[in-house]
Amino acid sequence: PFDKKLVTRTHEGLRIQPLYSARDWAHANDPTGAPGIPPFVRGGTTLGAVQGGWDRREERAEPEPDALNRAILDDLEHGATSIDIVLNPAVSEGPGGASQSGAMLLCVDDLCRALEGVHLDGIVLALSPRSAFIEAAALTRAFAEKHGVSTGKARFAFNADPLAELARSGKLPAPVDAMLDRLAVLAGWTAQHLPGSTAVRVDTSPYHEANATAAQDLAYAIATGLTYLR
């Protein structure tokens, strides 16, 4: 039967159809507006991904910089438009927190080796730094200065998200309020010095991986975003 094979039911009891058309949404006098127009619930730009296309971001976590470099170049050669480098826990926790997964980028030279041959003017370079988002931003800025990368055109993502890290690991290197202060400082610094880059990310994967329902996942995202804005 159609309802059993093609209709998905969430834990909240919502029925998700396999395909939607204009008949499923009364778009005439739609109070949610149009894309790019307040209240922006249908996207921040009028054309959405039509003009710039979708961003294909590959996640890399090779510990050794040279192996990381080879993986990044291979991803870019095969169509990736941005790279997300997952940093090793040792970057934020010291040698005692070292893991077999995660890039060991402890100094500018390590990052230079990892990005050798990578043209940053055409991609977004994102970092998943766990608690070390201030250190990650400083490392990236030092790399940009060393290689003459225009800070006005560079597109970095520092992905500061201390609440997600607290949910994932149960610990932070400083009290929550102090980490939120650091996040605010990074956001202000990024807006001033790297206007094409972003400082903060809201990551709900810790909740999703702990079997949060779709509604709970969305609730955590909204609550975290509001906390960071405040």
C-alpha atoms as a PDB file:
ATOM      1  CA  PRO A   1       0.000   0.000   0.000  1.00  0.00           C
ATOM      2  CA  PHE A   2       1.124   3.560  -0.814  1.00  0.00           C
ATOM      3  CA  ASP A   3       0.845   4.762   2.804  1.00  0.00           C
ATOM      4  CA  LYS A   4       3.035   1.934   4.080  1.00  0.00           C
ATOM      5  CA  LYS A   5       5.686   1.992   1.354  1.00  0.00           C
ATOM      6  CA  LEU A   6       6.129   5.658   0.487  1.00  0.00           C
ATOM      7  CA  VAL A   7       4.812   7.751   3.377  1.00  0.00           C
ATOM      8  CA  THR A   8       7.287   8.291   6.226  1.00  0.00           C
ATOM      9  CA  ARG A   9       6.024   8.796   9.761  1.00  0.00           C
ATOM     10  CA  THR A  10       8.187  10.652  12.276  1.00  0.00           C
ATOM     11  CA  HIS A  11       8.281   9.978  16.018  1.00  0.00           C
ATOM     12  CA  GLU A  12       6.042  13.029  16.448  1.00  0.00           C
ATOM     13  CA  GLY A  13       3.396  11.461  14.224  1.00  0.00           C
ATOM     14  CA  LEU A  14       3.994  13.690  11.207  1.00  0.00           C
ATOM     15  CA  ARG A  15       3.343  12.141   7.805  1.00  0.00           C
ATOM     16  CA  ILE A  16       5.999  12.989   5.189  1.00  0.00           C
ATOM     17  CA  GLN A  17       4.877  12.426   1.622  1.00  0.00           C
ATOM     18  CA  PRO A  18       7.383  11.233  -1.015  1.00  0.00           C
ATOM     19  CA  LEU A  19       6.648  14.200  -3.296  1.00  0.00           C
ATOM     20  CA  TYR A  20       5.022  17.613  -2.916  1.00  0.00           C
ATOM     21  CA  SER A  21       3.544  19.936  -5.522  1.00  0.00           C
ATOM     22  CA  ALA A  22       1.833  23.338  -5.617  1.00  0.00           C
ATOM     23  CA  ARG A  23      -1.432  21.643  -4.698  1.00  0.00           C
ATOM     24  CA  ASP A  24      -0.013  20.783  -1.257  1.00  0.00           C
ATOM     25  CA  TRP A  25       0.603  24.399  -0.257  1.00  0.00           C
ATOM     26  CA  ALA A  26      -1.836  27.266  -0.508  1.00  0.00           C
ATOM     27  CA  HIS A  27       0.692  29.720  -1.950  1.00  0.00           C
ATOM     28  CA  ALA A  28      -1.819  32.420  -2.808  1.00  0.00           C
ATOM     29  CA  ASN A  29      -1.483  35.175  -0.165  1.00  0.00           C
ATOM     30  CA  ASP A  30       1.142  33.046   1.521  1.00  0.00           C
ATOM     31  CA  PRO A  31       1.982  34.720   4.888  1.00  0.00           C
ATOM     32  CA  THR A  32       5.509  33.265   4.804  1.00  0.00           C
ATOM     33  CA  GLY A  33       6.362  35.575   1.899  1.00  0.00           C
ATOM     34  CA  ALA A  34       8.818  34.940  -0.902  1.00  0.00           C
ATOM     35  CA  PRO A  35      12.509  34.010  -0.890  1.00  0.00           C
ATOM     36  CA  GLY A  36      14.750  36.959  -0.060  1.00  0.00           C
ATOM     37  CA  ILE A  37      11.882  39.017   1.383  1.00  0.00           C
ATOM     38  CA  PRO A  38      10.989  39.457   5.086  1.00  0.00           C
ATOM     39  CA  PRO A  39      10.346  37.435   7.209  1.00  0.00           C
ATOM     40  CA  PHE A  40      12.996  35.407   5.287  1.00  0.00           C
ATOM     41  CA  VAL A  41      11.547  32.045   6.294  1.00  0.00           C
ATOM     42  CA  ARG A  42      11.987  30.876   2.686  1.00  0.00           C
ATOM     43  CA  GLY A  43      15.646  31.862   2.436  1.00  0.00           C
ATOM     44  CA  GLY A  44      17.824  34.947   2.661  1.00  0.00           C
ATOM     45  CA  THR A  45      18.242  35.516  -1.079  1.00  0.00           C
ATOM     46  CA  THR A  46      15.748  35.771  -3.917  1.00  0.00           C
ATOM     47  CA  LEU A  47      17.450  33.204  -6.144  1.00  0.00           C
ATOM     48  CA  GLY A  48      18.597  30.849  -3.392  1.00  0.00           C
ATOM     49  CA  ALA A  49      21.192  28.442  -4.791  1.00  0.00           C
ATOM     50  CA  VAL A  50      20.271  29.199  -8.414  1.00  0.00           C
ATOM     51  CA  GLN A  51      22.934  31.847  -8.937  1.00  0.00           C
ATOM     52  CA  GLY A  52      25.897  30.477  -7.010  1.00  0.00           C
ATOM     53  CA  GLY A  53      25.009  26.791  -7.035  1.00  0.00           C
ATOM     54  CA  TRP A  54      25.202  24.345  -4.195  1.00  0.00           C
ATOM     55  CA  ASP A  55      28.266  24.099  -1.965  1.00  0.00           C
ATOM     56  CA  ARG A  56      29.769  20.604  -1.878  1.00  0.00           C
ATOM     57  CA  ARG A  57      31.811  20.492   1.331  1.00  0.00           C
ATOM     58  CA  GLU A  58      34.076  17.526   1.996  1.00  0.00           C
ATOM     59  CA  GLU A  59      35.126  16.701   5.559  1.00  0.00           C
ATOM     60  CA  ARG A  60      38.738  15.639   6.082  1.00  0.00           C
ATOM     61  CA  ALA A  61      40.340  14.395   9.308  1.00  0.00           C
ATOM     62  CA  GLU A  62      43.710  12.891   8.294  1.00  0.00           C
ATOM     63  CA  PRO A  63      46.104  13.470  11.240  1.00  0.00           C
ATOM     64  CA  GLU A  64      49.289  13.985   9.212  1.00  0.00           C
ATOM     65  CA  PRO A  65      49.473  17.269   7.205  1.00  0.00           C
ATOM     66  CA  ASP A  66      50.917  15.736   4.021  1.00  0.00           C
ATOM     67  CA  ALA A  67      48.255  13.001   3.899  1.00  0.00           C
ATOM     68  CA  LEU A  68      45.644  15.660   4.603  1.00  0.00           C
ATOM     69  CA  ASN A  69      46.969  17.729   1.705  1.00  0.00           C
ATOM     70  CA  ARG A  70      46.701  14.830  -0.730  1.00  0.00           C
ATOM     71  CA  ALA A  71      43.128  14.140   0.354  1.00  0.00           C
ATOM     72  CA  ILE A  72      42.119  17.802   0.018  1.00  0.00           C
ATOM     73  CA  LEU A  73      43.618  18.140  -3.465  1.00  0.00           C
ATOM     74  CA  ASP A  74      41.854  14.947  -4.547  1.00  0.00           C
ATOM     75  CA  ASP A  75      38.512  16.249  -3.237  1.00  0.00           C
ATOM     76  CA  LEU A  76      38.900  19.574  -5.044  1.00  0.00           C
ATOM     77  CA  GLU A  77      39.926  17.834  -8.253  1.00  0.00           C
ATOM     78  CA  HIS A  78      36.741  15.770  -8.127  1.00  0.00           C
ATOM     79  CA  GLY A  79      34.314  18.623  -7.641  1.00  0.00           C
ATOM     80  CA  ALA A  80      34.375  19.751  -4.007  1.00  0.00           C
ATOM     81  CA  THR A  81      33.819  23.503  -3.580  1.00  0.00           C
ATOM     82  CA  SER A  82      34.774  23.738   0.077  1.00  0.00           C
ATOM     83  CA  ILE A  83      36.733  21.763   2.653  1.00  0.00           C
ATOM     84  CA  ASP A  84      35.999  21.168   6.350  1.00  0.00           C
ATOM     85  CA  ILE A  85      39.114  20.188   8.300  1.00  0.00           C
ATOM     86  CA  VAL A  86      38.310  18.408  11.562  1.00  0.00           C
ATOM     87  CA  LEU A  87      41.009  19.271  14.094  1.00  0.00           C
ATOM     88  CA  ASN A  88      42.453  16.677  16.430  1.00  0.00           C
ATOM     89  CA  PRO A  89      41.320  17.020  20.079  1.00  0.00           C
ATOM     90  CA  ALA A  90      44.989  17.520  20.974  1.00  0.00           C
ATOM     91  CA  VAL A  91      44.751  21.025  19.480  1.00  0.00           C
ATOM     92  CA  SER A  92      42.429  22.094  22.296  1.00  0.00           C
ATOM     93  CA  GLU A  93      43.274  19.587  25.024  1.00  0.00           C
ATOM     94  CA  GLY A  94      47.025  19.139  24.625  1.00  0.00           C
ATOM     95  CA  PRO A  95      48.929  15.892  23.992  1.00  0.00           C
ATOM     96  CA  GLY A  96      46.770  14.004  26.479  1.00  0.00           C
ATOM     97  CA  GLY A  97      43.732  14.495  24.268  1.00  0.00           C
ATOM     98  CA  ALA A  98      45.323  13.184  21.075  1.00  0.00           C
ATOM     99  CA  SER A  99      43.111  10.983  18.926  1.00  0.00           C
ATOM    100  CA  GLN A 100      43.709   8.773  15.906  1.00  0.00           C
ATOM    101  CA  SER A 101      41.273  10.927  13.940  1.00  0.00           C
ATOM    102  CA  GLY A 102      41.603  14.652  13.387  1.00  0.00           C
ATOM    103  CA  ALA A 103      44.196  16.898  11.781  1.00  0.00           C
ATOM    104  CA  MET A 104      47.246  17.694  13.894  1.00  0.00           C
ATOM    105  CA  LEU A 105      47.622  21.333  12.862  1.00  0.00           C
ATOM    106  CA  LEU A 106      49.585  22.749  15.775  1.00  0.00           C
ATOM    107  CA  CYS A 107      51.382  25.604  14.007  1.00  0.00           C
ATOM    108  CA  VAL A 108      51.297  27.688  10.840  1.00  0.00           C
ATOM    109  CA  ASP A 109      53.799  25.400   9.105  1.00  0.00           C
ATOM    110  CA  ASP A 110      51.447  22.426   9.630  1.00  0.00           C
ATOM    111  CA  LEU A 111      48.609  24.340   7.996  1.00  0.00           C
ATOM    112  CA  CYS A 112      50.896  25.417   5.144  1.00  0.00           C
ATOM    113  CA  ARG A 113      51.758  21.773   4.440  1.00  0.00           C
ATOM    114  CA  ALA A 114      48.100  20.777   4.554  1.00  0.00           C
ATOM    115  CA  LEU A 115      47.097  23.523   2.091  1.00  0.00           C
ATOM    116  CA  GLU A 116      50.029  23.374  -0.320  1.00  0.00           C
ATOM    117  CA  GLY A 117      48.724  23.811  -3.858  1.00  0.00           C
ATOM    118  CA  VAL A 118      45.230  24.789  -2.675  1.00  0.00           C
ATOM    119  CA  HIS A 119      43.861  28.018  -4.181  1.00  0.00           C
ATOM    120  CA  LEU A 120      41.839  29.579  -1.388  1.00  0.00           C
ATOM    121  CA  ASP A 121      40.360  32.292  -3.585  1.00  0.00           C
ATOM    122  CA  GLY A 122      37.926  29.797  -5.097  1.00  0.00           C
ATOM    123  CA  ILE A 123      36.804  27.737  -2.090  1.00  0.00           C
ATOM    124  CA  VAL A 124      35.544  28.004   1.462  1.00  0.00           C
ATOM    125  CA  LEU A 125      37.976  26.677   4.065  1.00  0.00           C
ATOM    126  CA  ALA A 126      36.101  25.522   7.151  1.00  0.00           C
ATOM    127  CA  LEU A 127      37.538  24.210  10.393  1.00  0.00           C
ATOM    128  CA  SER A 128      35.831  22.023  12.967  1.00  0.00           C
ATOM    129  CA  PRO A 129      37.909  23.036  15.979  1.00  0.00           C
ATOM    130  CA  ARG A 130      35.904  21.603  18.907  1.00  0.00           C
ATOM    131  CA  SER A 131      36.692  24.058  21.739  1.00  0.00           C
ATOM    132  CA  ALA A 132      39.739  25.614  20.072  1.00  0.00           C
ATOM    133  CA  PHE A 133      37.904  28.053  17.808  1.00  0.00           C
ATOM    134  CA  ILE A 134      39.969  31.064  18.937  1.00  0.00           C
ATOM    135  CA  GLU A 135      43.177  29.163  18.244  1.00  0.00           C
ATOM    136  CA  ALA A 136      41.841  27.989  14.867  1.00  0.00           C
ATOM    137  CA  ALA A 137      40.992  31.557  13.842  1.00  0.00           C
ATOM    138  CA  ALA A 138      44.430  32.814  14.902  1.00  0.00           C
ATOM    139  CA  LEU A 139      46.129  29.993  12.993  1.00  0.00           C
ATOM    140  CA  THR A 140      44.116  30.732   9.848  1.00  0.00           C
ATOM    141  CA  ARG A 141      44.781  34.475  10.060  1.00  0.00           C
ATOM    142  CA  ALA A 142      48.526  33.823  10.437  1.00  0.00           C
ATOM    143  CA  PHE A 143      48.418  31.527   7.401  1.00  0.00           C
ATOM    144  CA  ALA A 144      46.601  34.174   5.340  1.00  0.00           C
ATOM    145  CA  GLU A 145      49.148  36.836   6.266  1.00  0.00           C
ATOM    146  CA  LYS A 146      52.108  34.561   5.520  1.00  0.00           C
ATOM    147  CA  HIS A 147      50.820  33.699   2.047  1.00  0.00           C
ATOM    148  CA  GLY A 148      49.405  37.091   1.135  1.00  0.00           C
ATOM    149  CA  VAL A 149      45.798  35.910   1.051  1.00  0.00           C
ATOM    150  CA  SER A 150      43.445  38.881   0.856  1.00  0.00           C
ATOM    151  CA  THR A 151      41.507  38.988   4.126  1.00  0.00           C
ATOM    152  CA  GLY A 152      38.745  40.862   2.334  1.00  0.00           C
ATOM    153  CA  LYS A 153      38.226  38.075  -0.198  1.00  0.00           C
ATOM    154  CA  ALA A 154      39.109  35.049   1.943  1.00  0.00           C
ATOM    155  CA  ARG A 155      36.227  32.801   2.936  1.00  0.00           C
ATOM    156  CA  PHE A 156      36.846  30.920   6.162  1.00  0.00           C
ATOM    157  CA  ALA A 157      34.426  29.258   8.571  1.00  0.00           C
ATOM    158  CA  PHE A 158      35.636  28.856  12.162  1.00  0.00           C
ATOM    159  CA  ASN A 159      32.519  26.961  13.301  1.00  0.00           C
ATOM    160  CA  ALA A 160      32.549  28.025  16.946  1.00  0.00           C
ATOM    161  CA  ASP A 161      29.890  25.956  18.716  1.00  0.00           C
ATOM    162  CA  PRO A 162      30.764  25.385  22.395  1.00  0.00           C
ATOM    163  CA  LEU A 163      27.297  24.133  23.352  1.00  0.00           C
ATOM    164  CA  ALA A 164      27.515  21.332  20.798  1.00  0.00           C
ATOM    165  CA  GLU A 165      30.955  20.408  22.118  1.00  0.00           C
ATOM    166  CA  LEU A 166      29.603  20.358  25.678  1.00  0.00           C
ATOM    167  CA  ALA A 167      26.753  18.093  24.574  1.00  0.00           C
ATOM    168  CA  ARG A 168      29.147  15.830  22.656  1.00  0.00           C
ATOM    169  CA  SER A 169      31.953  15.419  25.200  1.00  0.00           C
ATOM    170  CA  GLY A 170      30.455  16.649  28.470  1.00  0.00           C
ATOM    171  CA  LYS A 171      33.283  19.119  29.075  1.00  0.00           C
ATOM    172  CA  LEU A 172      34.722  22.458  28.033  1.00  0.00           C
ATOM    173  CA  PRO A 173      38.119  24.030  28.798  1.00  0.00           C
ATOM    174  CA  ALA A 174      36.373  26.917  30.615  1.00  0.00           C
ATOM    175  CA  PRO A 175      32.943  27.640  32.143  1.00  0.00           C
ATOM    176  CA  VAL A 176      30.076  27.957  29.666  1.00  0.00           C
ATOM    177  CA  ASP A 177      29.732  31.731  30.186  1.00  0.00           C
ATOM    178  CA  ALA A 178      33.434  32.202  29.478  1.00  0.00           C
ATOM    179  CA  MET A 179      33.160  30.146  26.287  1.00  0.00           C
ATOM    180  CA  LEU A 180      30.167  32.215  25.157  1.00  0.00           C
ATOM    181  CA  ASP A 181      32.222  35.367  25.783  1.00  0.00           C
ATOM    182  CA  ARG A 182      34.986  33.925  23.591  1.00  0.00           C
ATOM    183  CA  LEU A 183      32.437  33.149  20.887  1.00  0.00           C
ATOM    184  CA  ALA A 184      31.190  36.757  20.957  1.00  0.00           C
ATOM    185  CA  VAL A 185      34.751  38.100  20.743  1.00  0.00           C
ATOM    186  CA  LEU A 186      35.486  35.838  17.769  1.00  0.00           C
ATOM    187  CA  ALA A 187      32.278  36.911  15.993  1.00  0.00           C
ATOM    188  CA  GLY A 188      33.152  40.590  16.397  1.00  0.00           C
ATOM    189  CA  TRP A 189      36.761  40.053  15.324  1.00  0.00           C
ATOM    190  CA  THR A 190      35.720  38.043  12.268  1.00  0.00           C
ATOM    191  CA  ALA A 191      33.205  40.683  11.162  1.00  0.00           C
ATOM    192  CA  GLN A 192      35.896  43.369  11.431  1.00  0.00           C
ATOM    193  CA  HIS A 193      38.909  41.584   9.944  1.00  0.00           C
ATOM    194  CA  LEU A 194      37.449  38.814   7.739  1.00  0.00           C
ATOM    195  CA  PRO A 195      34.131  40.146   6.396  1.00  0.00           C
ATOM    196  CA  GLY A 196      33.700  37.267   3.966  1.00  0.00           C
ATOM    197  CA  SER A 197      34.071  34.628   6.681  1.00  0.00           C
ATOM    198  CA  THR A 198      31.826  33.196   9.391  1.00  0.00           C
ATOM    199  CA  ALA A 199      32.597  32.596  13.053  1.00  0.00           C
ATOM    200  CA  VAL A 200      29.724  30.530  14.440  1.00  0.00           C
ATOM    201  CA  ARG A 201      27.963  27.291  13.522  1.00  0.00           C
ATOM    202  CA  VAL A 202      24.955  25.588  15.091  1.00  0.00           C
ATOM    203  CA  ASP A 203      25.597  21.840  14.944  1.00  0.00           C
ATOM    204  CA  THR A 204      22.854  19.471  16.087  1.00  0.00           C
ATOM    205  CA  SER A 205      24.695  16.250  15.275  1.00  0.00           C
ATOM    206  CA  PRO A 206      25.329  15.431  18.987  1.00  0.00           C
ATOM    207  CA  TYR A 207      21.566  15.387  19.569  1.00  0.00           C
ATOM    208  CA  HIS A 208      20.773  13.599  16.308  1.00  0.00           C
ATOM    209  CA  GLU A 209      23.322  10.898  17.120  1.00  0.00           C
ATOM    210  CA  ALA A 210      21.713  10.537  20.562  1.00  0.00           C
ATOM    211  CA  ASN A 211      18.403   9.685  18.833  1.00  0.00           C
ATOM    212  CA  ALA A 212      16.731  13.085  19.107  1.00  0.00           C
ATOM    213  CA  THR A 213      13.512  13.299  17.132  1.00  0.00           C
ATOM    214  CA  ALA A 214      13.125  15.752  14.239  1.00  0.00           C
ATOM    215  CA  ALA A 215      11.232  18.227  16.451  1.00  0.00           C
ATOM    216  CA  GLN A 216      13.841  17.955  19.218  1.00  0.00           C
ATOM    217  CA  ASP A 217      16.652  18.430  16.700  1.00  0.00           C
ATOM    218  CA  LEU A 218      14.998  21.604  15.415  1.00  0.00           C
ATOM    219  CA  ALA A 219      14.328  22.821  18.965  1.00  0.00           C
ATOM    220  CA  TYR A 220      17.999  22.415  19.940  1.00  0.00           C
ATOM    221  CA  ALA A 221      19.052  24.319  16.811  1.00  0.00           C
ATOM    222  CA  ILE A 222      16.735  27.244  17.535  1.00  0.00           C
ATOM    223  CA  ALA A 223      17.612  27.364  21.242  1.00  0.00           C
ATOM    224  CA  THR A 224      21.346  27.276  20.522  1.00  0.00           C
ATOM    225  CA  GLY A 225      21.089  29.961  17.864  1.00  0.00           C
ATOM    226  CA  LEU A 226      19.130  32.250  20.199  1.00  0.00           C
ATOM    227  CA  THR A 227      21.672  31.716  22.980  1.00  0.00           C
ATOM    228  CA  TYR A 228      24.522  32.717  20.668  1.00  0.00           C
ATOM    229  CA  LEU A 229      22.645  35.789  19.399  1.00  0.00           C
ATOM    230  CA  ARG A 230      21.973  36.939  22.949  1.00  0.00           C
END
